[in-house]
Amino acid sequence: RALADMREDYRRAELDEANCQTNPFEQFELWLHEAQIADLKEPNAMCLATATADGRPSNRIVLLKEFSEAGFVFYTSYTSRKGQEIKTNPYCALTFLWAELERQVRVEGKALPVPREQTEAYFKRRPKGSRLGALVSNQSQVLPSRKPLQDRLSELEMRYAATEDVPVPEYWGGYRVVPDSVEFWQGRTNRLHDRLRYRRDARSGNWTIERLSP
């Protein structure tokens, strides 16, 4: 089928100011829960967009590991491309897509490192293989082949074979995206989608709900 002819007419639900939460984190918790009970694959997957200091963007899929009214948390290598871009330009954006529910959520804000003790607590909860993987990889660096990764992993598997105590790399940790804007998008028929944006007042910290034209 030609790309120009591919389309869906969304009819599952609606989103109205009268039936949404007044706080974006409560609304997000509700939608995430509904995505989980719908048994969607990795409902915590999100597209993270960052940019260089001069505004050149890049994006990738990462996993949300925690959220609260403080923000949305993910973990990565600080020396990766996204880590280096966040270091020079902390403003970023997240997008969650739950296509089966005809929904997406867009988050815009600033990424800040989480406290080291929080990173260490999360790292200990990861499977041992994932912890070793964090030690193996110089994320985003050019490799001549896969062999150096496999060799390094074999070396570390032998070194830590008798223990579960794998150290957290200094170059690895969490970021919390502190939002100033959160938009909830619900697909509707005839492309007249519902878009409600929660915008935080910089002085009071209060949230204002605005309906955006589709």
N, C-alpha and C. Protein backbone atom coordinates (compact mmCIF):
# COMPACT_ATOMS: atom_id res chain seq x y z
N ARG A 1 0.84 -1.20 0.00
CA ARG A 1 0.00 0.00 0.00
C ARG A 1 0.87 1.25 0.00
N ALA A 2 0.52 2.22 -0.78
CA ALA A 2 1.30 3.46 -0.87
C ALA A 2 1.28 4.19 0.46
N LEU A 3 2.42 4.76 0.84
CA LEU A 3 2.51 5.49 2.11
C LEU A 3 1.45 6.58 2.19
N ALA A 4 1.20 7.25 1.06
CA ALA A 4 0.22 8.35 1.07
C ALA A 4 -1.19 7.86 1.39
N ASP A 5 -1.42 6.55 1.22
CA ASP A 5 -2.76 5.99 1.47
C ASP A 5 -2.88 5.32 2.83
N MET A 6 -1.81 5.31 3.60
CA MET A 6 -1.84 4.67 4.92
C MET A 6 -2.35 5.64 5.97
N ARG A 7 -3.46 5.29 6.61
CA ARG A 7 -4.03 6.15 7.65
C ARG A 7 -4.98 5.36 8.51
N GLU A 8 -5.17 5.83 9.73
CA GLU A 8 -6.14 5.25 10.65
C GLU A 8 -7.11 6.35 11.08
N ASP A 9 -8.34 5.96 11.33
CA ASP A 9 -9.32 6.90 11.87
C ASP A 9 -9.53 6.54 13.34
N TYR A 10 -9.08 7.41 14.23
CA TYR A 10 -9.05 7.09 15.65
C TYR A 10 -10.41 7.33 16.30
N ARG A 11 -10.91 6.29 17.02
CA ARG A 11 -12.25 6.37 17.60
C ARG A 11 -12.35 5.81 19.02
N ARG A 12 -11.22 5.40 19.60
CA ARG A 12 -11.28 4.66 20.86
C ARG A 12 -11.76 5.49 22.04
N ALA A 13 -11.32 6.76 22.12
CA ALA A 13 -11.57 7.52 23.34
C ALA A 13 -11.53 9.01 23.03
N GLU A 14 -11.77 9.79 24.08
CA GLU A 14 -11.65 11.24 23.98
C GLU A 14 -10.97 11.76 25.23
N LEU A 15 -10.47 12.97 25.14
CA LEU A 15 -9.80 13.62 26.27
C LEU A 15 -10.37 15.01 26.42
N ASP A 16 -10.96 15.25 27.57
CA ASP A 16 -11.64 16.52 27.79
C ASP A 16 -11.16 17.14 29.09
N GLU A 17 -11.17 18.45 29.14
CA GLU A 17 -10.75 19.15 30.35
C GLU A 17 -11.55 18.71 31.57
N ALA A 18 -12.80 18.32 31.36
CA ALA A 18 -13.68 17.95 32.47
C ALA A 18 -13.35 16.58 33.04
N ASN A 19 -12.66 15.71 32.25
CA ASN A 19 -12.40 14.36 32.75
C ASN A 19 -10.92 14.04 32.88
N CYS A 20 -10.07 15.05 32.88
CA CYS A 20 -8.63 14.81 33.07
C CYS A 20 -8.21 15.28 34.46
N GLN A 21 -7.07 14.80 34.90
CA GLN A 21 -6.53 15.19 36.20
C GLN A 21 -5.99 16.62 36.13
N THR A 22 -5.99 17.30 37.26
CA THR A 22 -5.49 18.68 37.28
C THR A 22 -3.96 18.73 37.31
N ASN A 23 -3.32 17.60 37.62
CA ASN A 23 -1.88 17.51 37.72
C ASN A 23 -1.37 16.58 36.61
N PRO A 24 -0.37 16.99 35.83
CA PRO A 24 0.06 16.15 34.70
C PRO A 24 0.65 14.82 35.13
N PHE A 25 1.26 14.75 36.30
CA PHE A 25 1.84 13.49 36.75
C PHE A 25 0.75 12.49 37.12
N GLU A 26 -0.36 12.96 37.67
CA GLU A 26 -1.47 12.08 37.96
C GLU A 26 -2.12 11.59 36.67
N GLN A 27 -2.22 12.48 35.68
CA GLN A 27 -2.77 12.07 34.38
C GLN A 27 -1.84 11.07 33.70
N PHE A 28 -0.54 11.30 33.80
CA PHE A 28 0.43 10.37 33.21
C PHE A 28 0.35 9.01 33.90
N GLU A 29 0.25 9.01 35.22
CA GLU A 29 0.15 7.75 35.96
C GLU A 29 -1.08 6.95 35.51
N LEU A 30 -2.19 7.65 35.30
CA LEU A 30 -3.42 7.00 34.84
C LEU A 30 -3.21 6.37 33.47
N TRP A 31 -2.67 7.14 32.53
CA TRP A 31 -2.47 6.62 31.17
C TRP A 31 -1.43 5.51 31.14
N LEU A 32 -0.36 5.63 31.91
CA LEU A 32 0.66 4.58 31.94
C LEU A 32 0.06 3.29 32.49
N HIS A 33 -0.75 3.41 33.52
CA HIS A 33 -1.41 2.23 34.09
C HIS A 33 -2.31 1.56 33.05
N GLU A 34 -3.03 2.36 32.29
CA GLU A 34 -3.91 1.80 31.27
C GLU A 34 -3.10 1.14 30.16
N ALA A 35 -1.93 1.69 29.85
CA ALA A 35 -1.05 1.05 28.87
C ALA A 35 -0.51 -0.28 29.40
N GLN A 36 -0.24 -0.34 30.71
CA GLN A 36 0.26 -1.57 31.30
C GLN A 36 -0.81 -2.65 31.32
N ILE A 37 -2.02 -2.31 31.72
CA ILE A 37 -3.07 -3.34 31.80
C ILE A 37 -3.53 -3.75 30.41
N ALA A 38 -3.26 -2.92 29.39
CA ALA A 38 -3.54 -3.30 28.01
C ALA A 38 -2.47 -4.26 27.47
N ASP A 39 -1.46 -4.53 28.31
CA ASP A 39 -0.39 -5.47 27.98
C ASP A 39 0.41 -5.04 26.76
N LEU A 40 0.66 -3.73 26.66
CA LEU A 40 1.48 -3.23 25.56
C LEU A 40 2.95 -3.57 25.83
N LYS A 41 3.70 -3.78 24.77
CA LYS A 41 5.12 -4.09 24.91
C LYS A 41 5.89 -2.84 25.32
N GLU A 42 6.62 -2.94 26.41
CA GLU A 42 7.43 -1.84 26.95
C GLU A 42 6.68 -0.51 26.95
N PRO A 43 5.65 -0.40 27.75
CA PRO A 43 4.91 0.86 27.80
C PRO A 43 5.73 2.01 28.38
N ASN A 44 6.87 1.70 29.01
CA ASN A 44 7.75 2.74 29.54
C ASN A 44 8.80 3.19 28.54
N ALA A 45 8.73 2.70 27.30
CA ALA A 45 9.67 3.16 26.26
C ALA A 45 9.32 4.58 25.84
N MET A 46 10.33 5.40 25.66
CA MET A 46 10.09 6.80 25.30
C MET A 46 11.19 7.27 24.36
N CYS A 47 10.85 8.15 23.47
CA CYS A 47 11.82 8.77 22.58
C CYS A 47 12.40 9.98 23.30
N LEU A 48 13.71 9.99 23.47
CA LEU A 48 14.42 11.10 24.11
C LEU A 48 15.11 11.92 23.03
N ALA A 49 14.75 13.20 22.94
CA ALA A 49 15.38 14.11 21.98
C ALA A 49 16.28 15.08 22.74
N THR A 50 17.53 15.17 22.29
CA THR A 50 18.49 16.12 22.84
C THR A 50 19.04 16.95 21.69
N ALA A 51 19.85 17.94 22.02
CA ALA A 51 20.43 18.78 20.98
C ALA A 51 21.78 19.30 21.43
N THR A 52 22.63 19.57 20.47
CA THR A 52 23.93 20.17 20.77
C THR A 52 23.74 21.63 21.19
N ALA A 53 24.83 22.25 21.61
CA ALA A 53 24.76 23.64 22.04
C ALA A 53 24.29 24.56 20.92
N ASP A 54 24.60 24.19 19.65
CA ASP A 54 24.18 25.02 18.53
C ASP A 54 22.86 24.55 17.91
N GLY A 55 22.17 23.62 18.61
CA GLY A 55 20.80 23.27 18.21
C GLY A 55 20.64 22.10 17.26
N ARG A 56 21.71 21.33 17.02
CA ARG A 56 21.58 20.17 16.14
C ARG A 56 20.98 19.01 16.94
N PRO A 57 19.79 18.50 16.54
CA PRO A 57 19.09 17.51 17.37
C PRO A 57 19.49 16.08 17.08
N SER A 58 19.23 15.21 18.04
CA SER A 58 19.31 13.77 17.85
C SER A 58 18.28 13.13 18.78
N ASN A 59 17.82 11.94 18.43
CA ASN A 59 16.89 11.25 19.32
C ASN A 59 17.11 9.76 19.29
N ARG A 60 16.52 9.09 20.30
CA ARG A 60 16.66 7.65 20.45
C ARG A 60 15.62 7.17 21.47
N ILE A 61 15.38 5.86 21.50
CA ILE A 61 14.45 5.30 22.46
C ILE A 61 15.20 4.87 23.72
N VAL A 62 14.70 5.31 24.87
CA VAL A 62 15.23 4.88 26.17
C VAL A 62 14.05 4.44 27.03
N LEU A 63 14.33 3.92 28.21
CA LEU A 63 13.27 3.42 29.08
C LEU A 63 13.11 4.29 30.32
N LEU A 64 11.87 4.67 30.60
CA LEU A 64 11.54 5.37 31.83
C LEU A 64 11.67 4.40 32.99
N LYS A 65 12.41 4.78 34.03
CA LYS A 65 12.61 3.91 35.17
C LYS A 65 11.98 4.41 36.45
N GLU A 66 11.53 5.66 36.44
CA GLU A 66 10.89 6.22 37.64
C GLU A 66 10.24 7.53 37.24
N PHE A 67 9.13 7.88 37.88
CA PHE A 67 8.60 9.23 37.72
C PHE A 67 7.86 9.62 38.99
N SER A 68 7.83 10.90 39.22
CA SER A 68 7.14 11.49 40.36
C SER A 68 6.91 12.95 40.00
N GLU A 69 6.41 13.72 40.92
CA GLU A 69 6.22 15.14 40.64
C GLU A 69 7.55 15.86 40.47
N ALA A 70 8.65 15.19 40.79
CA ALA A 70 9.97 15.78 40.57
C ALA A 70 10.40 15.65 39.12
N GLY A 71 9.84 14.66 38.39
CA GLY A 71 10.21 14.51 36.99
C GLY A 71 10.29 13.06 36.55
N PHE A 72 10.85 12.84 35.34
CA PHE A 72 10.91 11.54 34.68
C PHE A 72 12.37 11.09 34.62
N VAL A 73 12.66 9.88 35.10
CA VAL A 73 14.04 9.43 35.28
C VAL A 73 14.41 8.32 34.29
N PHE A 74 15.58 8.45 33.68
CA PHE A 74 16.17 7.39 32.87
C PHE A 74 17.66 7.30 33.19
N TYR A 75 18.30 6.21 32.77
CA TYR A 75 19.71 5.98 33.07
C TYR A 75 20.50 5.73 31.79
N THR A 76 21.75 6.18 31.79
CA THR A 76 22.58 6.04 30.59
C THR A 76 24.04 6.31 30.95
N SER A 77 24.88 6.25 29.95
CA SER A 77 26.28 6.65 30.12
C SER A 77 26.39 8.16 29.95
N TYR A 78 27.08 8.80 30.88
CA TYR A 78 27.29 10.25 30.77
C TYR A 78 28.17 10.60 29.57
N THR A 79 28.97 9.64 29.10
CA THR A 79 29.87 9.91 27.99
C THR A 79 29.25 9.58 26.63
N SER A 80 28.02 9.08 26.63
CA SER A 80 27.32 8.79 25.37
C SER A 80 26.99 10.09 24.65
N ARG A 81 26.49 9.96 23.43
CA ARG A 81 26.12 11.16 22.68
C ARG A 81 25.05 11.96 23.42
N LYS A 82 24.03 11.27 23.93
CA LYS A 82 22.99 12.00 24.65
C LYS A 82 23.53 12.63 25.92
N GLY A 83 24.44 11.92 26.61
CA GLY A 83 25.03 12.47 27.82
C GLY A 83 25.85 13.72 27.54
N GLN A 84 26.62 13.70 26.47
CA GLN A 84 27.43 14.86 26.11
C GLN A 84 26.56 16.03 25.66
N GLU A 85 25.47 15.72 24.95
CA GLU A 85 24.58 16.80 24.52
C GLU A 85 23.86 17.41 25.72
N ILE A 86 23.42 16.58 26.67
CA ILE A 86 22.77 17.10 27.87
C ILE A 86 23.74 17.96 28.68
N LYS A 87 25.01 17.56 28.69
CA LYS A 87 26.01 18.33 29.44
C LYS A 87 26.12 19.75 28.92
N THR A 88 26.04 19.93 27.60
CA THR A 88 26.19 21.27 27.02
C THR A 88 24.86 21.98 26.83
N ASN A 89 23.78 21.21 26.75
CA ASN A 89 22.45 21.78 26.54
C ASN A 89 21.43 20.89 27.25
N PRO A 90 21.07 21.21 28.50
CA PRO A 90 20.22 20.31 29.29
C PRO A 90 18.76 20.25 28.86
N TYR A 91 18.35 21.12 27.93
CA TYR A 91 16.94 21.11 27.51
C TYR A 91 16.70 19.94 26.57
N CYS A 92 15.64 19.20 26.84
CA CYS A 92 15.36 18.00 26.05
C CYS A 92 13.86 17.75 26.01
N ALA A 93 13.47 16.69 25.29
CA ALA A 93 12.06 16.35 25.15
C ALA A 93 11.90 14.84 25.15
N LEU A 94 10.76 14.38 25.68
CA LEU A 94 10.40 12.97 25.71
C LEU A 94 9.09 12.78 24.97
N THR A 95 8.93 11.64 24.30
CA THR A 95 7.65 11.29 23.70
C THR A 95 7.34 9.83 24.00
N PHE A 96 6.17 9.58 24.55
CA PHE A 96 5.64 8.23 24.73
C PHE A 96 4.58 8.00 23.68
N LEU A 97 4.62 6.87 22.99
CA LEU A 97 3.59 6.51 22.01
C LEU A 97 2.97 5.19 22.40
N TRP A 98 1.67 5.22 22.65
CA TRP A 98 0.89 4.02 22.91
C TRP A 98 -0.12 3.89 21.78
N ALA A 99 0.37 3.39 20.64
CA ALA A 99 -0.40 3.41 19.40
C ALA A 99 -1.71 2.63 19.52
N GLU A 100 -1.67 1.50 20.23
CA GLU A 100 -2.87 0.69 20.35
C GLU A 100 -3.99 1.42 21.10
N LEU A 101 -3.61 2.36 21.95
CA LEU A 101 -4.59 3.17 22.68
C LEU A 101 -4.83 4.52 22.01
N GLU A 102 -4.16 4.73 20.86
CA GLU A 102 -4.29 5.97 20.10
C GLU A 102 -3.91 7.18 20.94
N ARG A 103 -2.78 7.04 21.66
CA ARG A 103 -2.35 8.08 22.59
C ARG A 103 -0.85 8.34 22.47
N GLN A 104 -0.50 9.58 22.75
CA GLN A 104 0.91 9.91 22.96
C GLN A 104 1.01 10.99 24.03
N VAL A 105 2.18 11.04 24.66
CA VAL A 105 2.47 12.06 25.67
C VAL A 105 3.79 12.70 25.31
N ARG A 106 3.82 14.03 25.31
CA ARG A 106 5.04 14.77 25.01
C ARG A 106 5.45 15.58 26.25
N VAL A 107 6.73 15.47 26.60
CA VAL A 107 7.28 16.14 27.78
C VAL A 107 8.43 17.02 27.32
N GLU A 108 8.45 18.26 27.77
CA GLU A 108 9.56 19.17 27.48
C GLU A 108 10.07 19.75 28.78
N GLY A 109 11.40 19.80 28.91
CA GLY A 109 11.97 20.34 30.14
C GLY A 109 13.48 20.27 30.14
N LYS A 110 14.04 20.19 31.34
CA LYS A 110 15.49 20.21 31.52
C LYS A 110 15.92 18.92 32.21
N ALA A 111 17.00 18.30 31.71
CA ALA A 111 17.53 17.07 32.29
C ALA A 111 18.62 17.41 33.31
N LEU A 112 18.47 16.88 34.52
CA LEU A 112 19.44 17.10 35.59
C LEU A 112 19.90 15.75 36.13
N PRO A 113 21.19 15.60 36.47
CA PRO A 113 21.65 14.32 37.03
C PRO A 113 20.95 14.01 38.36
N VAL A 114 20.62 12.74 38.56
CA VAL A 114 20.04 12.35 39.84
C VAL A 114 21.17 12.18 40.86
N PRO A 115 20.88 12.22 42.16
CA PRO A 115 21.93 12.01 43.16
C PRO A 115 22.62 10.67 42.97
N ARG A 116 23.91 10.61 43.31
CA ARG A 116 24.69 9.39 43.09
C ARG A 116 24.10 8.20 43.85
N GLU A 117 23.59 8.45 45.06
CA GLU A 117 23.04 7.33 45.82
C GLU A 117 21.81 6.73 45.14
N GLN A 118 21.07 7.54 44.39
CA GLN A 118 19.92 7.03 43.65
C GLN A 118 20.38 6.16 42.49
N THR A 119 21.43 6.62 41.79
CA THR A 119 22.01 5.82 40.72
C THR A 119 22.51 4.47 41.25
N GLU A 120 23.21 4.49 42.37
CA GLU A 120 23.75 3.26 42.94
C GLU A 120 22.65 2.29 43.34
N ALA A 121 21.57 2.83 43.92
CA ALA A 121 20.45 1.97 44.34
C ALA A 121 19.80 1.32 43.13
N TYR A 122 19.62 2.08 42.05
CA TYR A 122 19.01 1.50 40.86
C TYR A 122 19.95 0.48 40.21
N PHE A 123 21.24 0.80 40.14
CA PHE A 123 22.21 -0.08 39.49
C PHE A 123 22.21 -1.46 40.14
N LYS A 124 22.08 -1.52 41.47
CA LYS A 124 22.08 -2.79 42.18
C LYS A 124 20.86 -3.64 41.84
N ARG A 125 19.79 -3.01 41.38
CA ARG A 125 18.57 -3.74 41.04
C ARG A 125 18.62 -4.33 39.63
N ARG A 126 19.57 -3.89 38.82
CA ARG A 126 19.67 -4.39 37.45
C ARG A 126 20.18 -5.83 37.43
N PRO A 127 19.82 -6.61 36.40
CA PRO A 127 20.42 -7.93 36.26
C PRO A 127 21.94 -7.83 36.16
N LYS A 128 22.61 -8.85 36.61
CA LYS A 128 24.08 -8.82 36.63
C LYS A 128 24.63 -8.59 35.22
N GLY A 129 24.03 -9.21 34.23
CA GLY A 129 24.50 -9.03 32.86
C GLY A 129 24.42 -7.59 32.40
N SER A 130 23.37 -6.90 32.81
CA SER A 130 23.23 -5.49 32.44
C SER A 130 24.26 -4.63 33.14
N ARG A 131 24.56 -4.98 34.40
CA ARG A 131 25.59 -4.23 35.13
C ARG A 131 26.96 -4.42 34.48
N LEU A 132 27.24 -5.66 34.09
CA LEU A 132 28.52 -5.91 33.40
C LEU A 132 28.55 -5.19 32.05
N GLY A 133 27.41 -5.16 31.37
CA GLY A 133 27.33 -4.46 30.09
C GLY A 133 27.67 -2.99 30.21
N ALA A 134 27.25 -2.37 31.33
CA ALA A 134 27.58 -0.96 31.53
C ALA A 134 29.07 -0.74 31.68
N LEU A 135 29.77 -1.74 32.25
CA LEU A 135 31.22 -1.65 32.37
C LEU A 135 31.92 -1.91 31.04
N VAL A 136 31.32 -2.74 30.20
CA VAL A 136 31.92 -3.13 28.94
C VAL A 136 31.93 -2.00 27.92
N SER A 137 30.80 -1.30 27.81
CA SER A 137 30.58 -0.42 26.67
C SER A 137 31.03 1.02 26.89
N ASN A 138 31.78 1.54 25.94
CA ASN A 138 32.03 2.98 25.85
C ASN A 138 30.98 3.53 24.88
N GLN A 139 29.80 3.77 25.40
CA GLN A 139 28.63 4.02 24.57
C GLN A 139 28.84 5.16 23.57
N SER A 140 28.43 4.91 22.33
CA SER A 140 28.48 5.85 21.21
C SER A 140 29.86 5.96 20.55
N GLN A 141 30.86 5.24 21.08
CA GLN A 141 32.20 5.27 20.48
C GLN A 141 32.28 4.28 19.32
N VAL A 142 33.09 4.59 18.31
CA VAL A 142 33.25 3.73 17.14
C VAL A 142 34.00 2.46 17.52
N LEU A 143 33.51 1.30 17.01
CA LEU A 143 34.14 0.00 17.25
C LEU A 143 34.60 -0.60 15.92
N PRO A 144 35.73 -1.28 15.89
CA PRO A 144 36.16 -1.94 14.66
C PRO A 144 35.32 -3.18 14.36
N SER A 145 34.77 -3.81 15.42
CA SER A 145 33.93 -5.00 15.27
C SER A 145 33.26 -5.25 16.61
N ARG A 146 32.47 -6.32 16.69
CA ARG A 146 31.82 -6.68 17.95
C ARG A 146 32.79 -7.41 18.90
N LYS A 147 33.88 -7.94 18.37
CA LYS A 147 34.79 -8.78 19.15
C LYS A 147 35.33 -8.10 20.41
N PRO A 148 35.74 -6.81 20.37
CA PRO A 148 36.23 -6.19 21.61
C PRO A 148 35.19 -6.19 22.73
N LEU A 149 33.90 -6.04 22.38
CA LEU A 149 32.85 -6.10 23.39
C LEU A 149 32.76 -7.49 23.99
N GLN A 150 32.76 -8.50 23.14
CA GLN A 150 32.65 -9.88 23.60
C GLN A 150 33.84 -10.27 24.46
N ASP A 151 35.05 -9.84 24.05
CA ASP A 151 36.25 -10.16 24.82
C ASP A 151 36.22 -9.49 26.19
N ARG A 152 35.83 -8.23 26.21
CA ARG A 152 35.76 -7.49 27.48
C ARG A 152 34.70 -8.09 28.40
N LEU A 153 33.56 -8.49 27.85
CA LEU A 153 32.51 -9.11 28.66
C LEU A 153 33.00 -10.42 29.25
N SER A 154 33.68 -11.24 28.46
CA SER A 154 34.21 -12.51 28.96
C SER A 154 35.18 -12.28 30.11
N GLU A 155 36.02 -11.26 29.95
CA GLU A 155 36.99 -10.92 31.00
C GLU A 155 36.28 -10.54 32.30
N LEU A 156 35.24 -9.70 32.19
CA LEU A 156 34.53 -9.25 33.38
C LEU A 156 33.69 -10.36 34.00
N GLU A 157 33.13 -11.22 33.17
CA GLU A 157 32.36 -12.36 33.71
C GLU A 157 33.26 -13.24 34.56
N MET A 158 34.49 -13.43 34.15
CA MET A 158 35.44 -14.22 34.95
C MET A 158 35.82 -13.47 36.23
N ARG A 159 36.06 -12.17 36.11
CA ARG A 159 36.48 -11.39 37.28
C ARG A 159 35.42 -11.37 38.36
N TYR A 160 34.15 -11.27 37.96
CA TYR A 160 33.07 -11.14 38.94
C TYR A 160 32.24 -12.42 39.06
N ALA A 161 32.81 -13.55 38.65
CA ALA A 161 32.06 -14.81 38.67
C ALA A 161 31.60 -15.19 40.08
N ALA A 162 32.39 -14.87 41.09
CA ALA A 162 32.09 -15.32 42.46
C ALA A 162 31.36 -14.28 43.29
N THR A 163 30.96 -13.19 42.67
CA THR A 163 30.30 -12.13 43.44
C THR A 163 29.22 -11.44 42.63
N GLU A 164 28.24 -10.88 43.34
CA GLU A 164 27.21 -10.05 42.70
C GLU A 164 27.54 -8.57 42.83
N ASP A 165 28.66 -8.29 43.49
CA ASP A 165 29.04 -6.90 43.77
C ASP A 165 29.79 -6.30 42.58
N VAL A 166 29.04 -5.84 41.60
CA VAL A 166 29.61 -5.20 40.42
C VAL A 166 29.57 -3.69 40.63
N PRO A 167 30.71 -2.99 40.54
CA PRO A 167 30.72 -1.56 40.83
C PRO A 167 30.01 -0.73 39.77
N VAL A 168 29.43 0.39 40.22
CA VAL A 168 28.79 1.32 39.29
C VAL A 168 29.87 2.14 38.60
N PRO A 169 29.92 2.15 37.27
CA PRO A 169 30.92 2.99 36.60
C PRO A 169 30.71 4.47 36.93
N GLU A 170 31.81 5.18 37.08
CA GLU A 170 31.72 6.60 37.39
C GLU A 170 31.03 7.38 36.26
N TYR A 171 31.14 6.86 35.05
CA TYR A 171 30.59 7.56 33.88
C TYR A 171 29.14 7.18 33.59
N TRP A 172 28.49 6.48 34.50
CA TRP A 172 27.13 5.98 34.27
C TRP A 172 26.20 6.47 35.36
N GLY A 173 24.98 6.87 34.98
CA GLY A 173 24.06 7.33 36.01
C GLY A 173 22.73 7.79 35.43
N GLY A 174 21.94 8.39 36.28
CA GLY A 174 20.58 8.77 35.91
C GLY A 174 20.43 10.24 35.65
N TYR A 175 19.40 10.55 34.84
CA TYR A 175 18.96 11.93 34.63
C TYR A 175 17.48 12.01 34.96
N ARG A 176 17.11 13.12 35.51
CA ARG A 176 15.70 13.41 35.75
C ARG A 176 15.29 14.57 34.85
N VAL A 177 14.30 14.34 33.99
CA VAL A 177 13.78 15.41 33.15
C VAL A 177 12.70 16.13 33.94
N VAL A 178 12.99 17.37 34.30
CA VAL A 178 12.06 18.20 35.07
C VAL A 178 11.23 18.99 34.06
N PRO A 179 9.94 18.67 33.93
CA PRO A 179 9.17 19.27 32.84
C PRO A 179 8.63 20.66 33.15
N ASP A 180 8.56 21.48 32.11
CA ASP A 180 7.79 22.72 32.21
C ASP A 180 6.56 22.64 31.32
N SER A 181 6.46 21.55 30.52
CA SER A 181 5.31 21.34 29.65
C SER A 181 5.09 19.85 29.46
N VAL A 182 3.83 19.41 29.60
CA VAL A 182 3.47 18.01 29.35
C VAL A 182 2.18 18.02 28.53
N GLU A 183 2.24 17.42 27.34
CA GLU A 183 1.07 17.40 26.46
C GLU A 183 0.53 15.99 26.31
N PHE A 184 -0.79 15.84 26.47
CA PHE A 184 -1.47 14.57 26.29
C PHE A 184 -2.28 14.63 25.00
N TRP A 185 -2.06 13.64 24.15
CA TRP A 185 -2.67 13.60 22.82
C TRP A 185 -3.54 12.35 22.71
N GLN A 186 -4.80 12.54 22.41
CA GLN A 186 -5.71 11.42 22.19
C GLN A 186 -6.24 11.49 20.77
N GLY A 187 -6.01 10.43 19.99
CA GLY A 187 -6.48 10.42 18.62
C GLY A 187 -7.99 10.49 18.53
N ARG A 188 -8.50 11.27 17.58
CA ARG A 188 -9.94 11.39 17.36
C ARG A 188 -10.23 11.29 15.87
N THR A 189 -11.47 11.08 15.54
CA THR A 189 -11.85 10.91 14.15
C THR A 189 -11.65 12.18 13.33
N ASN A 190 -11.43 12.00 12.03
CA ASN A 190 -11.23 13.11 11.09
C ASN A 190 -10.01 13.97 11.41
N ARG A 191 -9.05 13.38 12.14
CA ARG A 191 -7.81 14.08 12.50
C ARG A 191 -8.05 15.29 13.42
N LEU A 192 -9.22 15.36 14.03
CA LEU A 192 -9.49 16.43 15.00
C LEU A 192 -9.17 15.91 16.40
N HIS A 193 -7.88 15.68 16.61
CA HIS A 193 -7.42 15.04 17.83
C HIS A 193 -7.58 15.96 19.03
N ASP A 194 -7.66 15.34 20.22
CA ASP A 194 -7.65 16.08 21.48
C ASP A 194 -6.21 16.28 21.92
N ARG A 195 -5.84 17.53 22.19
CA ARG A 195 -4.51 17.84 22.68
C ARG A 195 -4.64 18.76 23.88
N LEU A 196 -4.27 18.27 25.06
CA LEU A 196 -4.28 19.08 26.27
C LEU A 196 -2.86 19.23 26.77
N ARG A 197 -2.43 20.48 26.91
CA ARG A 197 -1.07 20.77 27.38
C ARG A 197 -1.13 21.33 28.78
N TYR A 198 -0.34 20.73 29.67
CA TYR A 198 -0.14 21.26 31.02
C TYR A 198 1.12 22.10 30.98
N ARG A 199 1.00 23.36 31.33
CA ARG A 199 2.14 24.28 31.29
C ARG A 199 2.39 24.80 32.70
N ARG A 200 3.65 24.67 33.16
CA ARG A 200 3.99 25.07 34.53
C ARG A 200 4.36 26.55 34.58
N ASP A 201 3.78 27.26 35.53
CA ASP A 201 4.13 28.65 35.76
C ASP A 201 5.49 28.70 36.43
N ALA A 202 6.43 29.43 35.85
CA ALA A 202 7.81 29.45 36.34
C ALA A 202 7.91 30.01 37.75
N ARG A 203 7.02 30.91 38.11
CA ARG A 203 7.10 31.53 39.45
C ARG A 203 6.38 30.72 40.51
N SER A 204 5.12 30.36 40.25
CA SER A 204 4.32 29.69 41.26
C SER A 204 4.50 28.17 41.26
N GLY A 205 4.91 27.61 40.11
CA GLY A 205 4.99 26.17 39.99
C GLY A 205 3.67 25.51 39.70
N ASN A 206 2.60 26.30 39.59
CA ASN A 206 1.27 25.76 39.32
C ASN A 206 1.13 25.39 37.85
N TRP A 207 0.22 24.46 37.58
CA TRP A 207 0.00 23.99 36.22
C TRP A 207 -1.27 24.58 35.63
N THR A 208 -1.17 25.04 34.39
CA THR A 208 -2.32 25.52 33.63
C THR A 208 -2.60 24.55 32.49
N ILE A 209 -3.87 24.20 32.30
CA ILE A 209 -4.25 23.28 31.20
C ILE A 209 -4.75 24.09 30.03
N GLU A 210 -4.16 23.83 28.87
CA GLU A 210 -4.54 24.53 27.65
C GLU A 210 -4.91 23.51 26.58
N ARG A 211 -5.98 23.76 25.85
CA ARG A 211 -6.33 22.92 24.71
C ARG A 211 -5.64 23.49 23.45
N LEU A 212 -4.98 22.60 22.73
CA LEU A 212 -4.28 23.00 21.52
C LEU A 212 -5.05 22.51 20.30
N SER A 213 -5.02 23.30 19.24
CA SER A 213 -5.65 22.87 18.00
C SER A 213 -4.89 21.69 17.41
N PRO A 214 -5.62 20.71 16.86
CA PRO A 214 -4.93 19.56 16.28
C PRO A 214 -4.22 19.88 14.98
